[in-house]
Amino acid sequence: MTIKAFFVGTAAAFTAFSAASAGDMADACTAALEADGRDASGCMCLENEVVANDLVDEFLELGNIADPDERYASASDGAKAAMDKCTR
């Protein structure tokens, strides 16, 4: 799975959830990717990276960008590093 393909599902899923409860982002990511028949194994890793690196607001904002290529291009180096670490 490419980073961009992974990010398409995860960023959109994050827009529906608050970062207040641990596991919400990973659960949303997993549900979105599994619904599309895609590998969701990196979702918990991504949530951990997003929270640990204070990227929640950025991921929520990126989730508002409809085009996956534009969304990925708009991500900060920190957000891209989190995606790189958590995808295969």
C-alpha atoms as a PDB file:
ATOM      1  CA  MET A   1       0.000   0.000   0.000  1.00  0.00           C
ATOM      2  CA  THR A   2       1.345   3.409  -0.876  1.00  0.00           C
ATOM      3  CA  ILE A   3       1.491   6.220   1.624  1.00  0.00           C
ATOM      4  CA  LYS A   4      -0.961   8.252  -0.447  1.00  0.00           C
ATOM      5  CA  ALA A   5      -3.436   5.375  -0.635  1.00  0.00           C
ATOM      6  CA  PHE A   6      -3.227   4.889   3.114  1.00  0.00           C
ATOM      7  CA  PHE A   7      -3.650   8.608   3.741  1.00  0.00           C
ATOM      8  CA  VAL A   8      -6.762   8.817   1.574  1.00  0.00           C
ATOM      9  CA  GLY A   9      -8.714   6.708   4.056  1.00  0.00           C
ATOM     10  CA  THR A  10      -7.103   7.851   7.271  1.00  0.00           C
ATOM     11  CA  ALA A  11      -7.361  11.605   6.847  1.00  0.00           C
ATOM     12  CA  ALA A  12     -10.984  11.423   5.812  1.00  0.00           C
ATOM     13  CA  ALA A  13     -11.776   9.177   8.758  1.00  0.00           C
ATOM     14  CA  PHE A  14     -10.059  11.538  11.208  1.00  0.00           C
ATOM     15  CA  THR A  15     -12.393  14.404  10.344  1.00  0.00           C
ATOM     16  CA  ALA A  16     -15.296  12.592  11.993  1.00  0.00           C
ATOM     17  CA  PHE A  17     -13.644  12.103  15.366  1.00  0.00           C
ATOM     18  CA  SER A  18     -12.329  14.186  18.227  1.00  0.00           C
ATOM     19  CA  ALA A  19      -8.819  13.495  19.470  1.00  0.00           C
ATOM     20  CA  ALA A  20     -10.094  13.489  23.049  1.00  0.00           C
ATOM     21  CA  SER A  21     -10.533   9.734  23.317  1.00  0.00           C
ATOM     22  CA  ALA A  22      -7.605   7.412  22.753  1.00  0.00           C
ATOM     23  CA  GLY A  23      -8.307   4.952  19.979  1.00  0.00           C
ATOM     24  CA  ASP A  24     -10.891   7.043  18.124  1.00  0.00           C
ATOM     25  CA  MET A  25      -8.595   7.915  15.242  1.00  0.00           C
ATOM     26  CA  ALA A  26      -7.260   4.374  14.889  1.00  0.00           C
ATOM     27  CA  ASP A  27     -10.789   2.974  15.025  1.00  0.00           C
ATOM     28  CA  ALA A  28     -12.000   5.422  12.368  1.00  0.00           C
ATOM     29  CA  CYS A  29      -8.986   4.687  10.193  1.00  0.00           C
ATOM     30  CA  THR A  30      -9.497   0.931  10.529  1.00  0.00           C
ATOM     31  CA  ALA A  31     -13.202   1.158   9.728  1.00  0.00           C
ATOM     32  CA  ALA A  32     -12.620   3.353   6.672  1.00  0.00           C
ATOM     33  CA  LEU A  33      -9.844   1.212   5.228  1.00  0.00           C
ATOM     34  CA  GLU A  34     -11.486  -2.133   5.973  1.00  0.00           C
ATOM     35  CA  ALA A  35     -14.706  -0.907   4.355  1.00  0.00           C
ATOM     36  CA  ASP A  36     -12.665  -0.381   1.199  1.00  0.00           C
ATOM     37  CA  GLY A  37     -11.053  -3.816   1.590  1.00  0.00           C
ATOM     38  CA  ARG A  38      -7.648  -2.254   2.318  1.00  0.00           C
ATOM     39  CA  ASP A  39      -4.934  -3.036   4.839  1.00  0.00           C
ATOM     40  CA  ALA A  40      -5.533  -1.193   8.106  1.00  0.00           C
ATOM     41  CA  SER A  41      -2.509  -2.521   9.994  1.00  0.00           C
ATOM     42  CA  GLY A  42      -0.853   0.910  10.241  1.00  0.00           C
ATOM     43  CA  CYS A  43      -3.804   2.726  11.823  1.00  0.00           C
ATOM     44  CA  MET A  44      -2.772   2.415  15.483  1.00  0.00           C
ATOM     45  CA  CYS A  45       0.801   3.364  14.612  1.00  0.00           C
ATOM     46  CA  LEU A  46      -0.432   6.438  12.770  1.00  0.00           C
ATOM     47  CA  GLU A  47      -2.667   7.498  15.644  1.00  0.00           C
ATOM     48  CA  ASN A  48       0.230   7.102  18.073  1.00  0.00           C
ATOM     49  CA  GLU A  49       2.491   9.210  15.846  1.00  0.00           C
ATOM     50  CA  VAL A  50      -0.167  11.865  15.309  1.00  0.00           C
ATOM     51  CA  VAL A  51      -0.805  12.229  19.036  1.00  0.00           C
ATOM     52  CA  ALA A  52       2.868  11.985  20.084  1.00  0.00           C
ATOM     53  CA  ASN A  53       3.927  14.621  17.576  1.00  0.00           C
ATOM     54  CA  ASP A  54       0.990  16.978  18.148  1.00  0.00           C
ATOM     55  CA  LEU A  55      -0.308  16.539  14.597  1.00  0.00           C
ATOM     56  CA  VAL A  56      -3.994  16.090  15.411  1.00  0.00           C
ATOM     57  CA  ASP A  57      -5.069  19.531  14.207  1.00  0.00           C
ATOM     58  CA  GLU A  58      -3.058  19.171  11.018  1.00  0.00           C
ATOM     59  CA  PHE A  59      -4.558  15.769  10.205  1.00  0.00           C
ATOM     60  CA  LEU A  60      -8.056  17.081  10.863  1.00  0.00           C
ATOM     61  CA  GLU A  61      -7.366  20.022   8.556  1.00  0.00           C
ATOM     62  CA  LEU A  62      -5.847  17.804   5.867  1.00  0.00           C
ATOM     63  CA  GLY A  63      -8.963  15.640   6.010  1.00  0.00           C
ATOM     64  CA  ASN A  64     -10.877  18.556   4.508  1.00  0.00           C
ATOM     65  CA  ILE A  65      -8.883  18.401   1.262  1.00  0.00           C
ATOM     66  CA  ALA A  66     -10.768  16.216  -1.223  1.00  0.00           C
ATOM     67  CA  ASP A  67      -7.963  15.409  -3.662  1.00  0.00           C
ATOM     68  CA  PRO A  68      -5.595  12.753  -2.239  1.00  0.00           C
ATOM     69  CA  ASP A  69      -2.555  14.063  -4.133  1.00  0.00           C
ATOM     70  CA  GLU A  70      -3.179  17.625  -3.001  1.00  0.00           C
ATOM     71  CA  ARG A  71      -3.830  16.412   0.550  1.00  0.00           C
ATOM     72  CA  TYR A  72      -0.516  14.566   0.673  1.00  0.00           C
ATOM     73  CA  ALA A  73       1.379  17.447  -0.926  1.00  0.00           C
ATOM     74  CA  SER A  74      -0.095  19.811   1.676  1.00  0.00           C
ATOM     75  CA  ALA A  75       1.124  17.725   4.622  1.00  0.00           C
ATOM     76  CA  SER A  76       4.024  19.000   6.695  1.00  0.00           C
ATOM     77  CA  ASP A  77       7.287  17.097   6.890  1.00  0.00           C
ATOM     78  CA  GLY A  78       6.224  15.855  10.328  1.00  0.00           C
ATOM     79  CA  ALA A  79       2.921  14.509   9.012  1.00  0.00           C
ATOM     80  CA  LYS A  80       4.659  12.828   6.094  1.00  0.00           C
ATOM     81  CA  ALA A  81       7.213  11.302   8.497  1.00  0.00           C
ATOM     82  CA  ALA A  82       4.364   9.856  10.585  1.00  0.00           C
ATOM     83  CA  MET A  83       2.797   8.348   7.458  1.00  0.00           C
ATOM     84  CA  ASP A  84       6.164   6.992   6.281  1.00  0.00           C
ATOM     85  CA  LYS A  85       6.737   5.285   9.617  1.00  0.00           C
ATOM     86  CA  CYS A  86       3.321   3.657   9.711  1.00  0.00           C
ATOM     87  CA  THR A  87       2.817   2.439   6.168  1.00  0.00           C
ATOM     88  CA  ARG A  88       4.448  -0.334   4.219  1.00  0.00           C
END
